[in-house]
């Protein structure tokens, strides 16, 4: 993963902080995490600070290269969801679609065999 040259994760509804391991990506030419729900400080490395501000906009991030400094209190935890969703309302649609696909596929094969 250290040899990745381009990483565009914009508009993916990502939550949480940028992983500190991203500071180990030394060959990045393009990096964009804009318009997600990311919070906290941008990991310190010469690589991540070299990208433009627009690569981080639409998030609740702080620290260089942004003009917003990180305070000692940090970012409130409710800033990540902007108050739009309540706890426990997140549905992992990947697992829902896998289960529905299996059920539909199973009965698509078994149902005709039952009626022959």
PDB file of N, CA and C in Angstrom:
ATOM      1  N   UNK A   1       0.822  -1.193   0.000  1.00  0.00           N
ATOM      2  CA  UNK A   1       0.000   0.000   0.000  1.00  0.00           C
ATOM      3  C   UNK A   1       0.865   1.255   0.000  1.00  0.00           C
ATOM      4  N   UNK A   2       2.122   1.120   0.343  1.00  0.00           N
ATOM      5  CA  UNK A   2       2.992   2.290   0.407  1.00  0.00           C
ATOM      6  C   UNK A   2       3.280   2.886  -0.966  1.00  0.00           C
ATOM      7  N   UNK A   3       2.998   2.156  -2.044  1.00  0.00           N
ATOM      8  CA  UNK A   3       3.316   2.623  -3.389  1.00  0.00           C
ATOM      9  C   UNK A   3       2.129   3.255  -4.107  1.00  0.00           C
ATOM     10  N   UNK A   4       1.033   3.488  -3.404  1.00  0.00           N
ATOM     11  CA  UNK A   4      -0.148   4.107  -4.023  1.00  0.00           C
ATOM     12  C   UNK A   4       0.200   5.516  -4.484  1.00  0.00           C
ATOM     13  N   UNK A   5      -0.185   5.848  -5.715  1.00  0.00           N
ATOM     14  CA  UNK A   5       0.103   7.167  -6.264  1.00  0.00           C
ATOM     15  C   UNK A   5      -1.109   8.075  -6.268  1.00  0.00           C
ATOM     16  N   UNK A   6      -2.308   7.514  -6.298  1.00  0.00           N
ATOM     17  CA  UNK A   6      -3.524   8.315  -6.353  1.00  0.00           C
ATOM     18  C   UNK A   6      -4.576   7.692  -5.450  1.00  0.00           C
ATOM     19  N   UNK A   7      -5.191   8.520  -4.601  1.00  0.00           N
ATOM     20  CA  UNK A   7      -6.215   8.037  -3.682  1.00  0.00           C
ATOM     21  C   UNK A   7      -7.317   9.084  -3.596  1.00  0.00           C
ATOM     22  N   UNK A   8      -8.476   8.780  -4.183  1.00  0.00           N
ATOM     23  CA  UNK A   8      -9.616   9.692  -4.167  1.00  0.00           C
ATOM     24  C   UNK A   8     -10.763   9.019  -3.428  1.00  0.00           C
ATOM     25  N   UNK A   9     -10.997   9.452  -2.202  1.00  0.00           N
ATOM     26  CA  UNK A   9     -12.071   8.912  -1.371  1.00  0.00           C
ATOM     27  C   UNK A   9     -13.159   9.953  -1.152  1.00  0.00           C
ATOM     28  N   UNK A  10     -13.273  10.916  -2.042  1.00  0.00           N
ATOM     29  CA  UNK A  10     -14.243  11.993  -1.871  1.00  0.00           C
ATOM     30  C   UNK A  10     -15.666  11.476  -2.030  1.00  0.00           C
ATOM     31  N   UNK A  11     -16.590  12.097  -1.298  1.00  0.00           N
ATOM     32  CA  UNK A  11     -18.025  11.818  -1.346  1.00  0.00           C
ATOM     33  C   UNK A  11     -18.345  10.341  -1.134  1.00  0.00           C
ATOM     34  N   UNK A  12     -17.745   9.715  -0.130  1.00  0.00           N
ATOM     35  CA  UNK A  12     -17.988   8.309   0.177  1.00  0.00           C
ATOM     36  C   UNK A  12     -18.658   8.105   1.520  1.00  0.00           C
ATOM     37  N   UNK A  13     -19.088   9.161   2.166  1.00  0.00           N
ATOM     38  CA  UNK A  13     -19.748   9.102   3.474  1.00  0.00           C
ATOM     39  C   UNK A  13     -18.878   8.396   4.510  1.00  0.00           C
ATOM     40  N   UNK A  14     -17.585   8.665   4.478  1.00  0.00           N
ATOM     41  CA  UNK A  14     -16.662   8.087   5.454  1.00  0.00           C
ATOM     42  C   UNK A  14     -16.794   8.820   6.777  1.00  0.00           C
ATOM     43  N   UNK A  15     -16.680   8.100   7.884  1.00  0.00           N
ATOM     44  CA  UNK A  15     -16.759   8.676   9.223  1.00  0.00           C
ATOM     45  C   UNK A  15     -15.464   8.415   9.960  1.00  0.00           C
ATOM     46  N   UNK A  16     -15.203   9.226  10.974  1.00  0.00           N
ATOM     47  CA  UNK A  16     -14.042   9.001  11.829  1.00  0.00           C
ATOM     48  C   UNK A  16     -12.876   9.879  11.451  1.00  0.00           C
ATOM     49  N   UNK A  17     -11.697   9.420  11.811  1.00  0.00           N
ATOM     50  CA  UNK A  17     -10.478  10.177  11.566  1.00  0.00           C
ATOM     51  C   UNK A  17      -9.705   9.578  10.398  1.00  0.00           C
ATOM     52  N   UNK A  18      -8.824  10.380   9.821  1.00  0.00           N
ATOM     53  CA  UNK A  18      -7.912   9.865   8.805  1.00  0.00           C
ATOM     54  C   UNK A  18      -6.898   8.992   9.533  1.00  0.00           C
ATOM     55  N   UNK A  19      -6.724   7.744   9.131  1.00  0.00           N
ATOM     56  CA  UNK A  19      -5.795   6.852   9.834  1.00  0.00           C
ATOM     57  C   UNK A  19      -4.366   7.400   9.827  1.00  0.00           C
ATOM     58  N   UNK A  20      -3.675   7.310  10.951  1.00  0.00           N
ATOM     59  CA  UNK A  20      -2.282   7.777  11.006  1.00  0.00           C
ATOM     60  C   UNK A  20      -1.376   7.055  10.009  1.00  0.00           C
ATOM     61  N   UNK A  21      -1.744   5.847   9.611  1.00  0.00           N
ATOM     62  CA  UNK A  21      -0.914   5.099   8.656  1.00  0.00           C
ATOM     63  C   UNK A  21      -0.879   5.772   7.284  1.00  0.00           C
ATOM     64  N   UNK A  22      -1.826   6.678   7.006  1.00  0.00           N
ATOM     65  CA  UNK A  22      -1.801   7.398   5.733  1.00  0.00           C
ATOM     66  C   UNK A  22      -0.555   8.272   5.626  1.00  0.00           C
ATOM     67  N   UNK A  23       0.058   8.607   6.750  1.00  0.00           N
ATOM     68  CA  UNK A  23       1.275   9.420   6.704  1.00  0.00           C
ATOM     69  C   UNK A  23       2.449   8.626   6.131  1.00  0.00           C
ATOM     70  N   UNK A  24       2.304   7.307   6.000  1.00  0.00           N
ATOM     71  CA  UNK A  24       3.359   6.468   5.420  1.00  0.00           C
ATOM     72  C   UNK A  24       3.273   6.376   3.903  1.00  0.00           C
ATOM     73  N   UNK A  25       2.239   6.964   3.307  1.00  0.00           N
ATOM     74  CA  UNK A  25       2.087   6.925   1.850  1.00  0.00           C
ATOM     75  C   UNK A  25       3.003   7.988   1.247  1.00  0.00           C
ATOM     76  N   UNK A  26       4.153   7.580   0.770  1.00  0.00           N
ATOM     77  CA  UNK A  26       5.173   8.526   0.326  1.00  0.00           C
ATOM     78  C   UNK A  26       5.111   8.868  -1.156  1.00  0.00           C
ATOM     79  N   UNK A  27       4.343   8.122  -1.942  1.00  0.00           N
ATOM     80  CA  UNK A  27       4.344   8.324  -3.385  1.00  0.00           C
ATOM     81  C   UNK A  27       3.057   8.955  -3.902  1.00  0.00           C
ATOM     82  N   UNK A  28       2.234   9.509  -3.009  1.00  0.00           N
ATOM     83  CA  UNK A  28       0.957  10.081  -3.434  1.00  0.00           C
ATOM     84  C   UNK A  28       1.165  11.330  -4.283  1.00  0.00           C
ATOM     85  N   UNK A  29       0.544  11.347  -5.458  1.00  0.00           N
ATOM     86  CA  UNK A  29       0.507  12.542  -6.293  1.00  0.00           C
ATOM     87  C   UNK A  29      -0.851  13.212  -6.204  1.00  0.00           C
ATOM     88  N   UNK A  30      -1.884  12.425  -5.903  1.00  0.00           N
ATOM     89  CA  UNK A  30      -3.254  12.933  -5.803  1.00  0.00           C
ATOM     90  C   UNK A  30      -3.897  12.317  -4.570  1.00  0.00           C
ATOM     91  N   UNK A  31      -4.500  13.167  -3.720  1.00  0.00           N
ATOM     92  CA  UNK A  31      -5.173  12.704  -2.502  1.00  0.00           C
ATOM     93  C   UNK A  31      -6.392  13.581  -2.296  1.00  0.00           C
ATOM     94  N   UNK A  32      -7.568  12.962  -2.139  1.00  0.00           N
ATOM     95  CA  UNK A  32      -8.793  13.737  -1.961  1.00  0.00           C
ATOM     96  C   UNK A  32      -9.736  12.979  -1.041  1.00  0.00           C
ATOM     97  N   UNK A  33     -10.083  13.593   0.087  1.00  0.00           N
ATOM     98  CA  UNK A  33     -11.050  13.017   1.022  1.00  0.00           C
ATOM     99  C   UNK A  33     -12.176  14.012   1.280  1.00  0.00           C
ATOM    100  N   UNK A  34     -12.427  14.890   0.330  1.00  0.00           N
ATOM    101  CA  UNK A  34     -13.417  15.946   0.530  1.00  0.00           C
ATOM    102  C   UNK A  34     -14.839  15.389   0.592  1.00  0.00           C
ATOM    103  N   UNK A  35     -15.688  16.125   1.300  1.00  0.00           N
ATOM    104  CA  UNK A  35     -17.122  15.847   1.433  1.00  0.00           C
ATOM    105  C   UNK A  35     -17.415  14.460   2.010  1.00  0.00           C
ATOM    106  N   UNK A  36     -16.812  14.188   3.137  1.00  0.00           N
ATOM    107  CA  UNK A  36     -17.113  13.016   3.946  1.00  0.00           C
ATOM    108  C   UNK A  36     -17.482  13.538   5.331  1.00  0.00           C
ATOM    109  N   UNK A  37     -17.506  12.703   6.315  1.00  0.00           N
ATOM    110  CA  UNK A  37     -17.761  13.119   7.697  1.00  0.00           C
ATOM    111  C   UNK A  37     -16.534  12.841   8.556  1.00  0.00           C
ATOM    112  N   UNK A  38     -15.372  13.215   8.045  1.00  0.00           N
ATOM    113  CA  UNK A  38     -14.134  12.972   8.765  1.00  0.00           C
ATOM    114  C   UNK A  38     -13.924  14.040   9.832  1.00  0.00           C
ATOM    115  N   UNK A  39     -13.344  13.646  10.955  1.00  0.00           N
ATOM    116  CA  UNK A  39     -13.099  14.564  12.064  1.00  0.00           C
ATOM    117  C   UNK A  39     -11.656  14.428  12.527  1.00  0.00           C
ATOM    118  N   UNK A  40     -11.242  15.364  13.356  1.00  0.00           N
ATOM    119  CA  UNK A  40      -9.933  15.283  13.995  1.00  0.00           C
ATOM    120  C   UNK A  40      -8.838  15.948  13.198  1.00  0.00           C
ATOM    121  N   UNK A  41      -7.621  15.670  13.628  1.00  0.00           N
ATOM    122  CA  UNK A  41      -6.447  16.284  13.034  1.00  0.00           C
ATOM    123  C   UNK A  41      -5.953  15.475  11.845  1.00  0.00           C
ATOM    124  N   UNK A  42      -5.496  16.187  10.827  1.00  0.00           N
ATOM    125  CA  UNK A  42      -4.880  15.540   9.671  1.00  0.00           C
ATOM    126  C   UNK A  42      -3.536  14.985  10.133  1.00  0.00           C
ATOM    127  N   UNK A  43      -3.257  13.705   9.895  1.00  0.00           N
ATOM    128  CA  UNK A  43      -1.980  13.124  10.343  1.00  0.00           C
ATOM    129  C   UNK A  43      -0.791  13.926   9.822  1.00  0.00           C
ATOM    130  N   UNK A  44       0.177  14.096  10.678  1.00  0.00           N
ATOM    131  CA  UNK A  44       1.332  14.911  10.311  1.00  0.00           C
ATOM    132  C   UNK A  44       2.331  14.089   9.515  1.00  0.00           C
ATOM    133  N   UNK A  45       2.569  14.539   8.332  1.00  0.00           N
ATOM    134  CA  UNK A  45       3.607  13.997   7.456  1.00  0.00           C
ATOM    135  C   UNK A  45       3.823  15.034   6.377  1.00  0.00           C
ATOM    136  N   UNK A  46       4.949  15.022   5.783  1.00  0.00           N
ATOM    137  CA  UNK A  46       5.209  16.004   4.731  1.00  0.00           C
ATOM    138  C   UNK A  46       4.304  15.771   3.530  1.00  0.00           C
ATOM    139  N   UNK A  47       3.900  14.534   3.304  1.00  0.00           N
ATOM    140  CA  UNK A  47       3.079  14.211   2.141  1.00  0.00           C
ATOM    141  C   UNK A  47       1.663  14.767   2.278  1.00  0.00           C
ATOM    142  N   UNK A  48       0.968  14.512   3.385  1.00  0.00           N
ATOM    143  CA  UNK A  48      -0.426  14.930   3.531  1.00  0.00           C
ATOM    144  C   UNK A  48      -0.566  16.442   3.660  1.00  0.00           C
ATOM    145  N   UNK A  49       0.444  17.132   4.144  1.00  0.00           N
ATOM    146  CA  UNK A  49       0.379  18.581   4.242  1.00  0.00           C
ATOM    147  C   UNK A  49       0.669  19.266   2.905  1.00  0.00           C
ATOM    148  N   UNK A  50       1.110  18.527   1.908  1.00  0.00           N
ATOM    149  CA  UNK A  50       1.449  19.134   0.623  1.00  0.00           C
ATOM    150  C   UNK A  50       0.246  19.286  -0.305  1.00  0.00           C
ATOM    151  N   UNK A  51      -0.901  18.732   0.057  1.00  0.00           N
ATOM    152  CA  UNK A  51      -2.074  18.818  -0.810  1.00  0.00           C
ATOM    153  C   UNK A  51      -2.870  20.079  -0.510  1.00  0.00           C
ATOM    154  N   UNK A  52      -3.629  20.533  -1.484  1.00  0.00           N
ATOM    155  CA  UNK A  52      -4.411  21.762  -1.364  1.00  0.00           C
ATOM    156  C   UNK A  52      -5.540  21.613  -0.351  1.00  0.00           C
ATOM    157  N   UNK A  53      -6.041  22.755   0.141  1.00  0.00           N
ATOM    158  CA  UNK A  53      -7.132  22.767   1.118  1.00  0.00           C
ATOM    159  C   UNK A  53      -8.394  22.102   0.586  1.00  0.00           C
ATOM    160  N   UNK A  54      -8.676  22.242  -0.717  1.00  0.00           N
ATOM    161  CA  UNK A  54      -9.916  21.686  -1.268  1.00  0.00           C
ATOM    162  C   UNK A  54      -9.943  20.161  -1.190  1.00  0.00           C
ATOM    163  N   UNK A  55      -8.812  19.524  -1.005  1.00  0.00           N
ATOM    164  CA  UNK A  55      -8.766  18.061  -0.866  1.00  0.00           C
ATOM    165  C   UNK A  55      -9.358  17.592   0.456  1.00  0.00           C
ATOM    166  N   UNK A  56      -9.518  18.523   1.410  1.00  0.00           N
ATOM    167  CA  UNK A  56     -10.021  18.185   2.738  1.00  0.00           C
ATOM    168  C   UNK A  56     -11.353  18.860   3.057  1.00  0.00           C
ATOM    169  N   UNK A  57     -11.874  19.693   2.159  1.00  0.00           N
ATOM    170  CA  UNK A  57     -13.076  20.469   2.490  1.00  0.00           C
ATOM    171  C   UNK A  57     -14.319  19.593   2.600  1.00  0.00           C
ATOM    172  N   UNK A  58     -15.315  20.082   3.349  1.00  0.00           N
ATOM    173  CA  UNK A  58     -16.540  19.333   3.563  1.00  0.00           C
ATOM    174  C   UNK A  58     -16.429  18.347   4.705  1.00  0.00           C
ATOM    175  N   UNK A  59     -15.416  18.487   5.535  1.00  0.00           N
ATOM    176  CA  UNK A  59     -15.196  17.625   6.692  1.00  0.00           C
ATOM    177  C   UNK A  59     -15.028  18.495   7.934  1.00  0.00           C
ATOM    178  N   UNK A  60     -14.798  17.866   9.053  1.00  0.00           N
ATOM    179  CA  UNK A  60     -14.538  18.577  10.311  1.00  0.00           C
ATOM    180  C   UNK A  60     -13.092  18.334  10.723  1.00  0.00           C
ATOM    181  N   UNK A  61     -12.181  18.553   9.779  1.00  0.00           N
ATOM    182  CA  UNK A  61     -10.767  18.309  10.015  1.00  0.00           C
ATOM    183  C   UNK A  61     -10.063  19.587  10.453  1.00  0.00           C
ATOM    184  N   UNK A  62      -8.919  19.424  11.077  1.00  0.00           N
ATOM    185  CA  UNK A  62      -8.133  20.576  11.498  1.00  0.00           C
ATOM    186  C   UNK A  62      -6.652  20.254  11.347  1.00  0.00           C
ATOM    187  N   UNK A  63      -5.845  21.286  11.443  1.00  0.00           N
ATOM    188  CA  UNK A  63      -4.397  21.140  11.331  1.00  0.00           C
ATOM    189  C   UNK A  63      -3.912  21.418   9.922  1.00  0.00           C
ATOM    190  N   UNK A  64      -2.589  21.540   9.771  1.00  0.00           N
ATOM    191  CA  UNK A  64      -2.031  21.856   8.457  1.00  0.00           C
ATOM    192  C   UNK A  64      -2.432  20.810   7.428  1.00  0.00           C
ATOM    193  N   UNK A  65      -2.727  21.186   6.230  1.00  0.00           N
ATOM    194  CA  UNK A  65      -2.576  22.475   5.567  1.00  0.00           C
ATOM    195  C   UNK A  65      -3.779  23.400   5.735  1.00  0.00           C
ATOM    196  N   UNK A  66      -4.777  23.009   6.521  1.00  0.00           N
ATOM    197  CA  UNK A  66      -5.964  23.834   6.712  1.00  0.00           C
ATOM    198  C   UNK A  66      -5.647  24.998   7.638  1.00  0.00           C
ATOM    199  N   UNK A  67      -6.428  26.059   7.523  1.00  0.00           N
ATOM    200  CA  UNK A  67      -6.223  27.216   8.387  1.00  0.00           C
ATOM    201  C   UNK A  67      -6.820  27.003   9.765  1.00  0.00           C
ATOM    202  N   UNK A  68      -7.691  26.017   9.913  1.00  0.00           N
ATOM    203  CA  UNK A  68      -8.318  25.724  11.205  1.00  0.00           C
ATOM    204  C   UNK A  68      -7.339  24.948  12.078  1.00  0.00           C
ATOM    205  N   UNK A  69      -6.966  25.552  13.212  1.00  0.00           N
ATOM    206  CA  UNK A  69      -6.059  24.887  14.143  1.00  0.00           C
ATOM    207  C   UNK A  69      -6.829  23.932  15.030  1.00  0.00           C
ATOM    208  N   UNK A  70      -6.177  22.878  15.451  1.00  0.00           N
ATOM    209  CA  UNK A  70      -6.798  21.910  16.354  1.00  0.00           C
ATOM    210  C   UNK A  70      -6.704  22.436  17.780  1.00  0.00           C
ATOM    211  N   UNK A  71      -7.829  22.451  18.470  1.00  0.00           N
ATOM    212  CA  UNK A  71      -7.836  22.890  19.862  1.00  0.00           C
ATOM    213  C   UNK A  71      -7.528  21.711  20.767  1.00  0.00           C
ATOM    214  N   UNK A  72      -7.280  21.988  22.028  1.00  0.00           N
ATOM    215  CA  UNK A  72      -6.976  20.913  22.974  1.00  0.00           C
ATOM    216  C   UNK A  72      -8.216  20.119  23.326  1.00  0.00           C
ATOM    217  N   UNK A  73      -9.408  20.716  23.179  1.00  0.00           N
ATOM    218  CA  UNK A  73     -10.647  19.993  23.473  1.00  0.00           C
ATOM    219  C   UNK A  73     -10.986  18.998  22.386  1.00  0.00           C
ATOM    220  N   UNK A  74     -10.501  19.234  21.165  1.00  0.00           N
ATOM    221  CA  UNK A  74     -10.821  18.339  20.054  1.00  0.00           C
ATOM    222  C   UNK A  74     -12.163  18.684  19.427  1.00  0.00           C
ATOM    223  N   UNK A  75     -12.587  17.878  18.532  1.00  0.00           N
ATOM    224  CA  UNK A  75     -13.839  18.052  17.808  1.00  0.00           C
ATOM    225  C   UNK A  75     -14.929  17.298  18.544  1.00  0.00           C
ATOM    226  N   UNK A  76     -16.095  17.920  18.763  1.00  0.00           N
ATOM    227  CA  UNK A  76     -17.188  17.197  19.416  1.00  0.00           C
ATOM    228  C   UNK A  76     -17.592  15.975  18.608  1.00  0.00           C
ATOM    229  N   UNK A  77     -17.980  14.928  19.302  1.00  0.00           N
ATOM    230  CA  UNK A  77     -18.329  13.690  18.608  1.00  0.00           C
ATOM    231  C   UNK A  77     -19.591  13.837  17.775  1.00  0.00           C
ATOM    232  N   UNK A  78     -20.499  14.731  18.146  1.00  0.00           N
ATOM    233  CA  UNK A  78     -21.715  14.898  17.358  1.00  0.00           C
ATOM    234  C   UNK A  78     -21.469  15.728  16.112  1.00  0.00           C
ATOM    235  N   UNK A  79     -20.272  16.273  15.933  1.00  0.00           N
ATOM    236  CA  UNK A  79     -19.971  17.024  14.719  1.00  0.00           C
ATOM    237  C   UNK A  79     -19.859  16.089  13.525  1.00  0.00           C
ATOM    238  N   UNK A  80     -19.533  14.839  13.776  1.00  0.00           N
ATOM    239  CA  UNK A  80     -19.358  13.887  12.678  1.00  0.00           C
ATOM    240  C   UNK A  80     -20.662  13.595  11.965  1.00  0.00           C
ATOM    241  N   UNK A  81     -21.778  13.580  12.670  1.00  0.00           N
ATOM    242  CA  UNK A  81     -23.041  13.265  12.012  1.00  0.00           C
ATOM    243  C   UNK A  81     -23.924  14.484  11.827  1.00  0.00           C
ATOM    244  N   UNK A  82     -23.450  15.659  12.232  1.00  0.00           N
ATOM    245  CA  UNK A  82     -24.190  16.911  12.049  1.00  0.00           C
ATOM    246  C   UNK A  82     -25.582  16.862  12.638  1.00  0.00           C
ATOM    247  N   UNK A  83     -25.845  15.952  13.549  1.00  0.00           N
ATOM    248  CA  UNK A  83     -27.160  15.856  14.161  1.00  0.00           C
ATOM    249  C   UNK A  83     -28.223  15.295  13.245  1.00  0.00           C
ATOM    250  N   UNK A  84     -27.842  14.774  12.094  1.00  0.00           N
ATOM    251  CA  UNK A  84     -28.821  14.282  11.126  1.00  0.00           C
ATOM    252  C   UNK A  84     -29.300  12.871  11.414  1.00  0.00           C
ATOM    253  N   UNK A  85     -28.526  12.096  12.143  1.00  0.00           N
ATOM    254  CA  UNK A  85     -28.930  10.719  12.396  1.00  0.00           C
ATOM    255  C   UNK A  85     -28.821  10.426  13.880  1.00  0.00           C
ATOM    256  N   UNK A  86     -29.610   9.467  14.325  1.00  0.00           N
ATOM    257  CA  UNK A  86     -29.564   9.083  15.726  1.00  0.00           C
ATOM    258  C   UNK A  86     -28.740   7.824  15.872  1.00  0.00           C
ATOM    259  N   UNK A  87     -28.306   7.538  17.097  1.00  0.00           N
ATOM    260  CA  UNK A  87     -27.504   6.345  17.346  1.00  0.00           C
ATOM    261  C   UNK A  87     -28.312   5.095  17.016  1.00  0.00           C
ATOM    262  N   UNK A  88     -27.675   4.124  16.434  1.00  0.00           N
ATOM    263  CA  UNK A  88     -28.332   2.863  16.146  1.00  0.00           C
ATOM    264  C   UNK A  88     -29.122   2.842  14.852  1.00  0.00           C
ATOM    265  N   UNK A  89     -29.126   3.923  14.097  1.00  0.00           N
ATOM    266  CA  UNK A  89     -29.908   3.944  12.868  1.00  0.00           C
ATOM    267  C   UNK A  89     -29.065   3.594  11.644  1.00  0.00           C
ATOM    268  N   UNK A  90     -27.790   3.311  11.844  1.00  0.00           N
ATOM    269  CA  UNK A  90     -26.934   2.953  10.717  1.00  0.00           C
ATOM    270  C   UNK A  90     -27.198   1.514  10.306  1.00  0.00           C
ATOM    271  N   UNK A  91     -27.454   1.314   9.023  1.00  0.00           N
ATOM    272  CA  UNK A  91     -27.695  -0.018   8.477  1.00  0.00           C
ATOM    273  C   UNK A  91     -26.561  -0.318   7.514  1.00  0.00           C
ATOM    274  N   UNK A  92     -25.954  -1.461   7.664  1.00  0.00           N
ATOM    275  CA  UNK A  92     -24.905  -1.857   6.741  1.00  0.00           C
ATOM    276  C   UNK A  92     -25.569  -2.499   5.525  1.00  0.00           C
ATOM    277  N   UNK A  93     -25.738  -1.723   4.475  1.00  0.00           N
ATOM    278  CA  UNK A  93     -26.483  -2.157   3.295  1.00  0.00           C
ATOM    279  C   UNK A  93     -25.756  -3.248   2.523  1.00  0.00           C
ATOM    280  N   UNK A  94     -24.465  -3.379   2.707  1.00  0.00           N
ATOM    281  CA  UNK A  94     -23.746  -4.463   2.047  1.00  0.00           C
ATOM    282  C   UNK A  94     -24.262  -5.811   2.525  1.00  0.00           C
ATOM    283  N   UNK A  95     -24.384  -5.977   3.839  1.00  0.00           N
ATOM    284  CA  UNK A  95     -24.855  -7.249   4.379  1.00  0.00           C
ATOM    285  C   UNK A  95     -26.324  -7.492   4.046  1.00  0.00           C
ATOM    286  N   UNK A  96     -27.120  -6.445   4.038  1.00  0.00           N
ATOM    287  CA  UNK A  96     -28.530  -6.590   3.679  1.00  0.00           C
ATOM    288  C   UNK A  96     -28.649  -7.073   2.236  1.00  0.00           C
ATOM    289  N   UNK A  97     -27.868  -6.496   1.328  1.00  0.00           N
ATOM    290  CA  UNK A  97     -27.954  -6.901  -0.077  1.00  0.00           C
ATOM    291  C   UNK A  97     -27.412  -8.317  -0.287  1.00  0.00           C
ATOM    292  N   UNK A  98     -26.403  -8.715   0.475  1.00  0.00           N
ATOM    293  CA  UNK A  98     -25.882 -10.083   0.357  1.00  0.00           C
ATOM    294  C   UNK A  98     -26.938 -11.094   0.784  1.00  0.00           C
ATOM    295  N   UNK A  99     -27.595 -10.832   1.902  1.00  0.00           N
ATOM    296  CA  UNK A  99     -28.631 -11.747   2.391  1.00  0.00           C
ATOM    297  C   UNK A  99     -29.798 -11.801   1.417  1.00  0.00           C
ATOM    298  N   UNK A 100     -30.252 -10.648   0.937  1.00  0.00           N
ATOM    299  CA  UNK A 100     -31.365 -10.633  -0.017  1.00  0.00           C
ATOM    300  C   UNK A 100     -30.992 -11.347  -1.315  1.00  0.00           C
ATOM    301  N   UNK A 101     -29.781 -11.159  -1.786  1.00  0.00           N
ATOM    302  CA  UNK A 101     -29.335 -11.836  -2.999  1.00  0.00           C
ATOM    303  C   UNK A 101     -29.295 -13.341  -2.833  1.00  0.00           C
ATOM    304  N   UNK A 102     -28.833 -13.795  -1.674  1.00  0.00           N
ATOM    305  CA  UNK A 102     -28.793 -15.233  -1.415  1.00  0.00           C
ATOM    306  C   UNK A 102     -30.200 -15.813  -1.359  1.00  0.00           C
ATOM    307  N   UNK A 103     -31.105 -15.142  -0.639  1.00  0.00           N
ATOM    308  CA  UNK A 103     -32.481 -15.642  -0.512  1.00  0.00           C
ATOM    309  C   UNK A 103     -33.162 -15.686  -1.872  1.00  0.00           C
ATOM    310  N   UNK A 104     -33.043 -14.623  -2.647  1.00  0.00           N
ATOM    311  CA  UNK A 104     -33.682 -14.587  -3.968  1.00  0.00           C
ATOM    312  C   UNK A 104     -33.067 -15.638  -4.902  1.00  0.00           C
ATOM    313  N   UNK A 105     -31.751 -15.779  -4.877  1.00  0.00           N
ATOM    314  CA  UNK A 105     -31.101 -16.781  -5.717  1.00  0.00           C
ATOM    315  C   UNK A 105     -31.466 -18.194  -5.316  1.00  0.00           C
ATOM    316  N   UNK A 106     -31.523 -18.444  -4.014  1.00  0.00           N
ATOM    317  CA  UNK A 106     -31.877 -19.772  -3.516  1.00  0.00           C
ATOM    318  C   UNK A 106     -33.281 -20.148  -3.959  1.00  0.00           C
ATOM    319  N   UNK A 107     -34.240 -19.245  -3.726  1.00  0.00           N
ATOM    320  CA  UNK A 107     -35.620 -19.565  -4.102  1.00  0.00           C
ATOM    321  C   UNK A 107     -35.833 -19.515  -5.608  1.00  0.00           C
ATOM    322  N   UNK A 108     -34.974 -18.803  -6.331  1.00  0.00           N
ATOM    323  CA  UNK A 108     -35.048 -18.817  -7.787  1.00  0.00           C
ATOM    324  C   UNK A 108     -34.680 -20.171  -8.364  1.00  0.00           C
ATOM    325  N   UNK A 109     -33.867 -20.930  -7.640  1.00  0.00           N
ATOM    326  CA  UNK A 109     -33.482 -22.272  -8.076  1.00  0.00           C
ATOM    327  C   UNK A 109     -34.408 -23.327  -7.480  1.00  0.00           C
ATOM    328  N   UNK A 110     -34.737 -23.218  -6.205  1.00  0.00           N
ATOM    329  CA  UNK A 110     -35.518 -24.244  -5.510  1.00  0.00           C
ATOM    330  C   UNK A 110     -36.994 -24.195  -5.892  1.00  0.00           C
ATOM    331  N   UNK A 111     -37.586 -23.025  -6.045  1.00  0.00           N
ATOM    332  CA  UNK A 111     -39.023 -22.908  -6.332  1.00  0.00           C
ATOM    333  C   UNK A 111     -39.416 -23.626  -7.623  1.00  0.00           C
ATOM    334  N   UNK A 112     -38.701 -23.463  -8.731  1.00  0.00           N
ATOM    335  CA  UNK A 112     -39.084 -24.217  -9.937  1.00  0.00           C
ATOM    336  C   UNK A 112     -38.970 -25.730  -9.754  1.00  0.00           C
ATOM    337  N   UNK A 113     -38.025 -26.184  -8.946  1.00  0.00           N
ATOM    338  CA  UNK A 113     -37.883 -27.619  -8.703  1.00  0.00           C
ATOM    339  C   UNK A 113     -39.050 -28.165  -7.899  1.00  0.00           C
ATOM    340  N   UNK A 114     -39.616 -27.359  -7.027  1.00  0.00           N
ATOM    341  CA  UNK A 114     -40.755 -27.790  -6.217  1.00  0.00           C
ATOM    342  C   UNK A 114     -42.031 -27.916  -7.039  1.00  0.00           C
ATOM    343  N   UNK A 115     -42.149 -27.135  -8.096  1.00  0.00           N
ATOM    344  CA  UNK A 115     -43.383 -27.123  -8.874  1.00  0.00           C
ATOM    345  C   UNK A 115     -43.288 -27.956 -10.148  1.00  0.00           C
ATOM    346  N   UNK A 116     -42.260 -28.735 -10.308  1.00  0.00           N
ATOM    347  CA  UNK A 116     -42.130 -29.599 -11.494  1.00  0.00           C
ATOM    348  C   UNK A 116     -42.851 -30.903 -11.256  1.00  0.00           C
TER     349      UNK A 116
END
